[in-house]
């Protein structure tokens, strides 16, 4: 048996908990990121030129952050706004 064997990894409750613990963005921030994504993407579609691609990229990053609940920058800085210690 390998040292990485995890007998309960496939249990639905454990999978759900693992998924929740990997998120590091609060629900309010996710909503804000989604709204910012819509604004960036709308502005990016309406413009022309190089600035258009910057807006579309920013919109895509905000949309990904909103949908997944994960922020790689937060992860690198050790920030977790979803699971705050009380």
PDB file of N, CA and C in Angstrom:
ATOM      1  N   UNK A   1       0.827  -1.159   0.000  1.00  0.00           N
ATOM      2  CA  UNK A   1       0.000   0.000   0.000  1.00  0.00           C
ATOM      3  C   UNK A   1       0.887   1.244   0.000  1.00  0.00           C
ATOM      4  N   UNK A   2       0.545   2.169  -0.882  1.00  0.00           N
ATOM      5  CA  UNK A   2       1.324   3.394  -0.997  1.00  0.00           C
ATOM      6  C   UNK A   2       1.109   4.292   0.220  1.00  0.00           C
ATOM      7  N   UNK A   3       2.068   5.130   0.504  1.00  0.00           N
ATOM      8  CA  UNK A   3       1.959   6.037   1.634  1.00  0.00           C
ATOM      9  C   UNK A   3       0.932   7.142   1.400  1.00  0.00           C
ATOM     10  N   UNK A   4       0.505   7.324   0.172  1.00  0.00           N
ATOM     11  CA  UNK A   4      -0.475   8.358  -0.137  1.00  0.00           C
ATOM     12  C   UNK A   4      -1.895   7.810  -0.180  1.00  0.00           C
ATOM     13  N   UNK A   5      -2.114   6.613   0.278  1.00  0.00           N
ATOM     14  CA  UNK A   5      -3.443   6.012   0.268  1.00  0.00           C
ATOM     15  C   UNK A   5      -4.382   6.788   1.187  1.00  0.00           C
ATOM     16  N   UNK A   6      -5.540   7.172   0.659  1.00  0.00           N
ATOM     17  CA  UNK A   6      -6.523   7.921   1.423  1.00  0.00           C
ATOM     18  C   UNK A   6      -7.859   7.186   1.330  1.00  0.00           C
ATOM     19  N   UNK A   7      -8.183   6.360   2.304  1.00  0.00           N
ATOM     20  CA  UNK A   7      -9.362   5.512   2.207  1.00  0.00           C
ATOM     21  C   UNK A   7     -10.683   6.268   2.156  1.00  0.00           C
ATOM     22  N   UNK A   8     -10.756   7.473   2.691  1.00  0.00           N
ATOM     23  CA  UNK A   8     -12.014   8.202   2.725  1.00  0.00           C
ATOM     24  C   UNK A   8     -12.100   9.310   1.678  1.00  0.00           C
ATOM     25  N   UNK A   9     -11.138   9.375   0.783  1.00  0.00           N
ATOM     26  CA  UNK A   9     -11.087  10.462  -0.187  1.00  0.00           C
ATOM     27  C   UNK A   9     -12.283  10.480  -1.126  1.00  0.00           C
ATOM     28  N   UNK A  10     -12.891   9.338  -1.375  1.00  0.00           N
ATOM     29  CA  UNK A  10     -14.015   9.273  -2.306  1.00  0.00           C
ATOM     30  C   UNK A  10     -15.379   9.404  -1.625  1.00  0.00           C
ATOM     31  N   UNK A  11     -15.430   9.531  -0.324  1.00  0.00           N
ATOM     32  CA  UNK A  11     -16.690   9.719   0.389  1.00  0.00           C
ATOM     33  C   UNK A  11     -17.233  11.107   0.039  1.00  0.00           C
ATOM     34  N   UNK A  12     -18.509  11.213  -0.380  1.00  0.00           N
ATOM     35  CA  UNK A  12     -19.047  12.516  -0.820  1.00  0.00           C
ATOM     36  C   UNK A  12     -18.889  13.645   0.196  1.00  0.00           C
ATOM     37  N   UNK A  13     -19.091  13.371   1.468  1.00  0.00           N
ATOM     38  CA  UNK A  13     -18.958  14.427   2.480  1.00  0.00           C
ATOM     39  C   UNK A  13     -17.508  14.907   2.580  1.00  0.00           C
ATOM     40  N   UNK A  14     -16.563  14.007   2.446  1.00  0.00           N
ATOM     41  CA  UNK A  14     -15.149  14.378   2.502  1.00  0.00           C
ATOM     42  C   UNK A  14     -14.767  15.172   1.259  1.00  0.00           C
ATOM     43  N   UNK A  15     -15.296  14.798   0.099  1.00  0.00           N
ATOM     44  CA  UNK A  15     -15.023  15.535  -1.137  1.00  0.00           C
ATOM     45  C   UNK A  15     -15.561  16.963  -1.041  1.00  0.00           C
ATOM     46  N   UNK A  16     -16.777  17.093  -0.488  1.00  0.00           N
ATOM     47  CA  UNK A  16     -17.385  18.417  -0.354  1.00  0.00           C
ATOM     48  C   UNK A  16     -16.569  19.284   0.599  1.00  0.00           C
ATOM     49  N   UNK A  17     -16.143  18.729   1.715  1.00  0.00           N
ATOM     50  CA  UNK A  17     -15.334  19.465   2.678  1.00  0.00           C
ATOM     51  C   UNK A  17     -13.992  19.875   2.068  1.00  0.00           C
ATOM     52  N   UNK A  18     -13.373  18.965   1.335  1.00  0.00           N
ATOM     53  CA  UNK A  18     -12.095  19.271   0.690  1.00  0.00           C
ATOM     54  C   UNK A  18     -12.251  20.411  -0.305  1.00  0.00           C
ATOM     55  N   UNK A  19     -13.340  20.371  -1.078  1.00  0.00           N
ATOM     56  CA  UNK A  19     -13.600  21.425  -2.058  1.00  0.00           C
ATOM     57  C   UNK A  19     -13.788  22.773  -1.349  1.00  0.00           C
ATOM     58  N   UNK A  20     -14.529  22.761  -0.237  1.00  0.00           N
ATOM     59  CA  UNK A  20     -14.768  23.990   0.519  1.00  0.00           C
ATOM     60  C   UNK A  20     -13.469  24.545   1.103  1.00  0.00           C
ATOM     61  N   UNK A  21     -12.612  23.691   1.591  1.00  0.00           N
ATOM     62  CA  UNK A  21     -11.368  24.149   2.211  1.00  0.00           C
ATOM     63  C   UNK A  21     -10.372  24.701   1.199  1.00  0.00           C
ATOM     64  N   UNK A  22     -10.511  24.351  -0.070  1.00  0.00           N
ATOM     65  CA  UNK A  22      -9.609  24.873  -1.090  1.00  0.00           C
ATOM     66  C   UNK A  22     -10.015  26.266  -1.564  1.00  0.00           C
ATOM     67  N   UNK A  23     -11.212  26.719  -1.204  1.00  0.00           N
ATOM     68  CA  UNK A  23     -11.637  28.072  -1.551  1.00  0.00           C
ATOM     69  C   UNK A  23     -11.031  29.050  -0.557  1.00  0.00           C
ATOM     70  N   UNK A  24     -10.617  30.221  -1.061  1.00  0.00           N
ATOM     71  CA  UNK A  24     -10.036  31.215  -0.158  1.00  0.00           C
ATOM     72  C   UNK A  24     -10.625  32.611  -0.363  1.00  0.00           C
ATOM     73  N   UNK A  25     -11.752  32.686  -1.066  1.00  0.00           N
ATOM     74  CA  UNK A  25     -12.413  33.958  -1.332  1.00  0.00           C
ATOM     75  C   UNK A  25     -13.820  33.891  -0.750  1.00  0.00           C
ATOM     76  N   UNK A  26     -14.210  34.912   0.019  1.00  0.00           N
ATOM     77  CA  UNK A  26     -15.528  34.921   0.640  1.00  0.00           C
ATOM     78  C   UNK A  26     -16.627  35.109  -0.408  1.00  0.00           C
ATOM     79  N   UNK A  27     -17.865  34.815  -0.010  1.00  0.00           N
ATOM     80  CA  UNK A  27     -18.982  34.936  -0.941  1.00  0.00           C
ATOM     81  C   UNK A  27     -19.197  36.372  -1.398  1.00  0.00           C
ATOM     82  N   UNK A  28     -19.019  37.329  -0.508  1.00  0.00           N
ATOM     83  CA  UNK A  28     -19.155  38.735  -0.889  1.00  0.00           C
ATOM     84  C   UNK A  28     -18.120  39.154  -1.921  1.00  0.00           C
ATOM     85  N   UNK A  29     -16.890  38.684  -1.736  1.00  0.00           N
ATOM     86  CA  UNK A  29     -15.834  38.988  -2.709  1.00  0.00           C
ATOM     87  C   UNK A  29     -16.112  38.301  -4.048  1.00  0.00           C
ATOM     88  N   UNK A  30     -16.676  37.108  -3.985  1.00  0.00           N
ATOM     89  CA  UNK A  30     -17.018  36.410  -5.226  1.00  0.00           C
ATOM     90  C   UNK A  30     -18.074  37.191  -6.005  1.00  0.00           C
ATOM     91  N   UNK A  31     -19.063  37.725  -5.300  1.00  0.00           N
ATOM     92  CA  UNK A  31     -20.089  38.535  -5.945  1.00  0.00           C
ATOM     93  C   UNK A  31     -19.475  39.791  -6.550  1.00  0.00           C
ATOM     94  N   UNK A  32     -18.621  40.454  -5.788  1.00  0.00           N
ATOM     95  CA  UNK A  32     -17.939  41.640  -6.300  1.00  0.00           C
ATOM     96  C   UNK A  32     -17.069  41.338  -7.511  1.00  0.00           C
ATOM     97  N   UNK A  33     -16.386  40.204  -7.483  1.00  0.00           N
ATOM     98  CA  UNK A  33     -15.552  39.807  -8.625  1.00  0.00           C
ATOM     99  C   UNK A  33     -16.412  39.529  -9.849  1.00  0.00           C
ATOM    100  N   UNK A  34     -17.580  38.923  -9.626  1.00  0.00           N
ATOM    101  CA  UNK A  34     -18.486  38.658 -10.746  1.00  0.00           C
ATOM    102  C   UNK A  34     -19.000  39.945 -11.375  1.00  0.00           C
ATOM    103  N   UNK A  35     -19.351  40.918 -10.535  1.00  0.00           N
ATOM    104  CA  UNK A  35     -19.814  42.205 -11.054  1.00  0.00           C
ATOM    105  C   UNK A  35     -18.688  42.939 -11.789  1.00  0.00           C
ATOM    106  N   UNK A  36     -17.484  42.902 -11.218  1.00  0.00           N
ATOM    107  CA  UNK A  36     -16.336  43.531 -11.885  1.00  0.00           C
ATOM    108  C   UNK A  36     -16.040  42.842 -13.209  1.00  0.00           C
ATOM    109  N   UNK A  37     -16.175  41.516 -13.240  1.00  0.00           N
ATOM    110  CA  UNK A  37     -15.940  40.775 -14.476  1.00  0.00           C
ATOM    111  C   UNK A  37     -16.912  41.212 -15.563  1.00  0.00           C
ATOM    112  N   UNK A  38     -18.182  41.360 -15.199  1.00  0.00           N
ATOM    113  CA  UNK A  38     -19.170  41.802 -16.192  1.00  0.00           C
ATOM    114  C   UNK A  38     -18.819  43.188 -16.726  1.00  0.00           C
ATOM    115  N   UNK A  39     -18.394  44.068 -15.829  1.00  0.00           N
ATOM    116  CA  UNK A  39     -18.039  45.425 -16.254  1.00  0.00           C
ATOM    117  C   UNK A  39     -16.805  45.432 -17.156  1.00  0.00           C
ATOM    118  N   UNK A  40     -15.771  44.703 -16.762  1.00  0.00           N
ATOM    119  CA  UNK A  40     -14.561  44.634 -17.594  1.00  0.00           C
ATOM    120  C   UNK A  40     -14.852  44.018 -18.958  1.00  0.00           C
ATOM    121  N   UNK A  41     -15.604  42.937 -18.975  1.00  0.00           N
ATOM    122  CA  UNK A  41     -15.892  42.265 -20.245  1.00  0.00           C
ATOM    123  C   UNK A  41     -16.755  43.127 -21.151  1.00  0.00           C
ATOM    124  N   UNK A  42     -17.736  43.817 -20.569  1.00  0.00           N
ATOM    125  CA  UNK A  42     -18.575  44.718 -21.369  1.00  0.00           C
ATOM    126  C   UNK A  42     -17.753  45.856 -21.954  1.00  0.00           C
ATOM    127  N   UNK A  43     -16.887  46.447 -21.144  1.00  0.00           N
ATOM    128  CA  UNK A  43     -16.039  47.535 -21.628  1.00  0.00           C
ATOM    129  C   UNK A  43     -15.041  47.023 -22.663  1.00  0.00           C
ATOM    130  N   UNK A  44     -14.537  45.808 -22.466  1.00  0.00           N
ATOM    131  CA  UNK A  44     -13.575  45.249 -23.408  1.00  0.00           C
ATOM    132  C   UNK A  44     -14.178  44.964 -24.774  1.00  0.00           C
ATOM    133  N   UNK A  45     -15.418  44.516 -24.790  1.00  0.00           N
ATOM    134  CA  UNK A  45     -16.092  44.233 -26.067  1.00  0.00           C
ATOM    135  C   UNK A  45     -16.375  45.530 -26.812  1.00  0.00           C
ATOM    136  N   UNK A  46     -16.650  46.608 -26.085  1.00  0.00           N
ATOM    137  CA  UNK A  46     -17.013  47.880 -26.702  1.00  0.00           C
ATOM    138  C   UNK A  46     -15.810  48.646 -27.263  1.00  0.00           C
ATOM    139  N   UNK A  47     -14.610  48.323 -26.835  1.00  0.00           N
ATOM    140  CA  UNK A  47     -13.426  49.083 -27.264  1.00  0.00           C
ATOM    141  C   UNK A  47     -12.675  48.385 -28.390  1.00  0.00           C
ATOM    142  N   UNK A  48     -11.716  49.099 -28.906  1.00  0.00           N
ATOM    143  CA  UNK A  48     -10.815  48.574 -29.937  1.00  0.00           C
ATOM    144  C   UNK A  48      -9.372  48.792 -29.488  1.00  0.00           C
ATOM    145  N   UNK A  49      -8.466  48.025 -30.069  1.00  0.00           N
ATOM    146  CA  UNK A  49      -7.061  48.243 -29.796  1.00  0.00           C
ATOM    147  C   UNK A  49      -6.509  47.380 -28.668  1.00  0.00           C
ATOM    148  N   UNK A  50      -5.324  47.768 -28.206  1.00  0.00           N
ATOM    149  CA  UNK A  50      -4.606  47.001 -27.203  1.00  0.00           C
ATOM    150  C   UNK A  50      -5.319  47.048 -25.848  1.00  0.00           C
ATOM    151  N   UNK A  51      -5.903  48.204 -25.510  1.00  0.00           N
ATOM    152  CA  UNK A  51      -6.590  48.349 -24.236  1.00  0.00           C
ATOM    153  C   UNK A  51      -7.751  47.369 -24.126  1.00  0.00           C
ATOM    154  N   UNK A  52      -8.335  47.006 -25.254  1.00  0.00           N
ATOM    155  CA  UNK A  52      -9.434  46.032 -25.282  1.00  0.00           C
ATOM    156  C   UNK A  52      -8.985  44.706 -24.679  1.00  0.00           C
ATOM    157  N   UNK A  53      -7.823  44.248 -25.076  1.00  0.00           N
ATOM    158  CA  UNK A  53      -7.337  42.946 -24.604  1.00  0.00           C
ATOM    159  C   UNK A  53      -6.998  42.982 -23.123  1.00  0.00           C
ATOM    160  N   UNK A  54      -6.544  44.130 -22.638  1.00  0.00           N
ATOM    161  CA  UNK A  54      -6.278  44.264 -21.201  1.00  0.00           C
ATOM    162  C   UNK A  54      -7.579  44.160 -20.395  1.00  0.00           C
ATOM    163  N   UNK A  55      -8.631  44.799 -20.889  1.00  0.00           N
ATOM    164  CA  UNK A  55      -9.927  44.735 -20.217  1.00  0.00           C
ATOM    165  C   UNK A  55     -10.496  43.325 -20.259  1.00  0.00           C
ATOM    166  N   UNK A  56     -10.375  42.658 -21.394  1.00  0.00           N
ATOM    167  CA  UNK A  56     -10.890  41.289 -21.517  1.00  0.00           C
ATOM    168  C   UNK A  56     -10.120  40.326 -20.609  1.00  0.00           C
ATOM    169  N   UNK A  57      -8.815  40.508 -20.515  1.00  0.00           N
ATOM    170  CA  UNK A  57      -8.012  39.667 -19.631  1.00  0.00           C
ATOM    171  C   UNK A  57      -8.397  39.896 -18.171  1.00  0.00           C
ATOM    172  N   UNK A  58      -8.539  41.148 -17.765  1.00  0.00           N
ATOM    173  CA  UNK A  58      -8.949  41.457 -16.392  1.00  0.00           C
ATOM    174  C   UNK A  58     -10.331  40.879 -16.106  1.00  0.00           C
ATOM    175  N   UNK A  59     -11.242  40.968 -17.072  1.00  0.00           N
ATOM    176  CA  UNK A  59     -12.573  40.396 -16.911  1.00  0.00           C
ATOM    177  C   UNK A  59     -12.531  38.893 -16.765  1.00  0.00           C
ATOM    178  N   UNK A  60     -11.676  38.242 -17.539  1.00  0.00           N
ATOM    179  CA  UNK A  60     -11.539  36.793 -17.441  1.00  0.00           C
ATOM    180  C   UNK A  60     -10.985  36.348 -16.095  1.00  0.00           C
ATOM    181  N   UNK A  61     -10.011  37.079 -15.592  1.00  0.00           N
ATOM    182  CA  UNK A  61      -9.429  36.748 -14.280  1.00  0.00           C
ATOM    183  C   UNK A  61     -10.470  36.923 -13.184  1.00  0.00           C
ATOM    184  N   UNK A  62     -11.217  38.021 -13.231  1.00  0.00           N
ATOM    185  CA  UNK A  62     -12.265  38.253 -12.226  1.00  0.00           C
ATOM    186  C   UNK A  62     -13.363  37.197 -12.326  1.00  0.00           C
ATOM    187  N   UNK A  63     -13.725  36.802 -13.544  1.00  0.00           N
ATOM    188  CA  UNK A  63     -14.754  35.783 -13.726  1.00  0.00           C
ATOM    189  C   UNK A  63     -14.293  34.439 -13.179  1.00  0.00           C
ATOM    190  N   UNK A  64     -13.056  34.073 -13.436  1.00  0.00           N
ATOM    191  CA  UNK A  64     -12.511  32.820 -12.916  1.00  0.00           C
ATOM    192  C   UNK A  64     -12.482  32.833 -11.390  1.00  0.00           C
ATOM    193  N   UNK A  65     -12.075  33.950 -10.809  1.00  0.00           N
ATOM    194  CA  UNK A  65     -12.045  34.086  -9.341  1.00  0.00           C
ATOM    195  C   UNK A  65     -13.453  33.960  -8.767  1.00  0.00           C
ATOM    196  N   UNK A  66     -14.419  34.551  -9.449  1.00  0.00           N
ATOM    197  CA  UNK A  66     -15.800  34.503  -8.992  1.00  0.00           C
ATOM    198  C   UNK A  66     -16.383  33.092  -9.078  1.00  0.00           C
ATOM    199  N   UNK A  67     -16.109  32.396 -10.143  1.00  0.00           N
ATOM    200  CA  UNK A  67     -16.685  31.063 -10.343  1.00  0.00           C
ATOM    201  C   UNK A  67     -16.043  29.998  -9.459  1.00  0.00           C
ATOM    202  N   UNK A  68     -14.734  30.078  -9.265  1.00  0.00           N
ATOM    203  CA  UNK A  68     -14.038  29.026  -8.514  1.00  0.00           C
ATOM    204  C   UNK A  68     -13.936  29.301  -7.023  1.00  0.00           C
ATOM    205  N   UNK A  69     -13.970  30.575  -6.632  1.00  0.00           N
ATOM    206  CA  UNK A  69     -13.791  30.909  -5.218  1.00  0.00           C
ATOM    207  C   UNK A  69     -12.345  30.816  -4.767  1.00  0.00           C
ATOM    208  N   UNK A  70     -11.437  30.767  -5.713  1.00  0.00           N
ATOM    209  CA  UNK A  70     -10.002  30.687  -5.398  1.00  0.00           C
ATOM    210  C   UNK A  70      -9.271  31.863  -6.021  1.00  0.00           C
ATOM    211  N   UNK A  71      -8.298  32.347  -5.296  1.00  0.00           N
ATOM    212  CA  UNK A  71      -7.470  33.440  -5.791  1.00  0.00           C
ATOM    213  C   UNK A  71      -6.007  33.051  -5.605  1.00  0.00           C
ATOM    214  N   UNK A  72      -5.258  32.885  -6.700  1.00  0.00           N
ATOM    215  CA  UNK A  72      -3.852  32.497  -6.571  1.00  0.00           C
ATOM    216  C   UNK A  72      -3.000  33.542  -5.849  1.00  0.00           C
ATOM    217  N   UNK A  73      -3.365  34.812  -5.969  1.00  0.00           N
ATOM    218  CA  UNK A  73      -2.609  35.851  -5.274  1.00  0.00           C
ATOM    219  C   UNK A  73      -2.823  35.721  -3.770  1.00  0.00           C
ATOM    220  N   UNK A  74      -4.083  35.495  -3.364  1.00  0.00           N
ATOM    221  CA  UNK A  74      -4.360  35.257  -1.946  1.00  0.00           C
ATOM    222  C   UNK A  74      -3.585  34.046  -1.449  1.00  0.00           C
ATOM    223  N   UNK A  75      -3.538  33.011  -2.252  1.00  0.00           N
ATOM    224  CA  UNK A  75      -2.842  31.784  -1.849  1.00  0.00           C
ATOM    225  C   UNK A  75      -1.363  32.059  -1.611  1.00  0.00           C
ATOM    226  N   UNK A  76      -0.741  32.802  -2.494  1.00  0.00           N
ATOM    227  CA  UNK A  76       0.684  33.109  -2.341  1.00  0.00           C
ATOM    228  C   UNK A  76       0.950  33.994  -1.122  1.00  0.00           C
ATOM    229  N   UNK A  77       0.005  34.883  -0.820  1.00  0.00           N
ATOM    230  CA  UNK A  77       0.184  35.786   0.315  1.00  0.00           C
ATOM    231  C   UNK A  77      -0.311  35.194   1.629  1.00  0.00           C
ATOM    232  N   UNK A  78      -0.933  34.027   1.574  1.00  0.00           N
ATOM    233  CA  UNK A  78      -1.427  33.386   2.781  1.00  0.00           C
ATOM    234  C   UNK A  78      -2.714  34.003   3.314  1.00  0.00           C
ATOM    235  N   UNK A  79      -3.489  34.636   2.438  1.00  0.00           N
ATOM    236  CA  UNK A  79      -4.747  35.272   2.838  1.00  0.00           C
ATOM    237  C   UNK A  79      -5.892  34.306   2.580  1.00  0.00           C
ATOM    238  N   UNK A  80      -6.813  34.231   3.531  1.00  0.00           N
ATOM    239  CA  UNK A  80      -8.006  33.395   3.371  1.00  0.00           C
ATOM    240  C   UNK A  80      -9.190  34.157   3.947  1.00  0.00           C
ATOM    241  N   UNK A  81      -9.930  34.851   3.089  1.00  0.00           N
ATOM    242  CA  UNK A  81     -11.053  35.642   3.568  1.00  0.00           C
ATOM    243  C   UNK A  81     -12.315  34.808   3.755  1.00  0.00           C
ATOM    244  N   UNK A  82     -12.305  33.568   3.337  1.00  0.00           N
ATOM    245  CA  UNK A  82     -13.464  32.695   3.487  1.00  0.00           C
ATOM    246  C   UNK A  82     -13.497  32.031   4.859  1.00  0.00           C
ATOM    247  N   UNK A  83     -12.360  31.637   5.379  1.00  0.00           N
ATOM    248  CA  UNK A  83     -12.270  30.923   6.646  1.00  0.00           C
ATOM    249  C   UNK A  83     -11.520  31.770   7.666  1.00  0.00           C
ATOM    250  N   UNK A  84     -12.150  32.818   8.122  1.00  0.00           N
ATOM    251  CA  UNK A  84     -11.495  33.714   9.080  1.00  0.00           C
ATOM    252  C   UNK A  84     -11.552  33.129  10.477  1.00  0.00           C
ATOM    253  N   UNK A  85     -10.471  33.248  11.203  1.00  0.00           N
ATOM    254  CA  UNK A  85     -10.425  32.810  12.603  1.00  0.00           C
ATOM    255  C   UNK A  85     -11.194  33.812  13.447  1.00  0.00           C
ATOM    256  N   UNK A  86     -12.045  33.328  14.305  1.00  0.00           N
ATOM    257  CA  UNK A  86     -12.874  34.222  15.127  1.00  0.00           C
ATOM    258  C   UNK A  86     -12.275  34.425  16.488  1.00  0.00           C
TER     259      UNK A  86
END
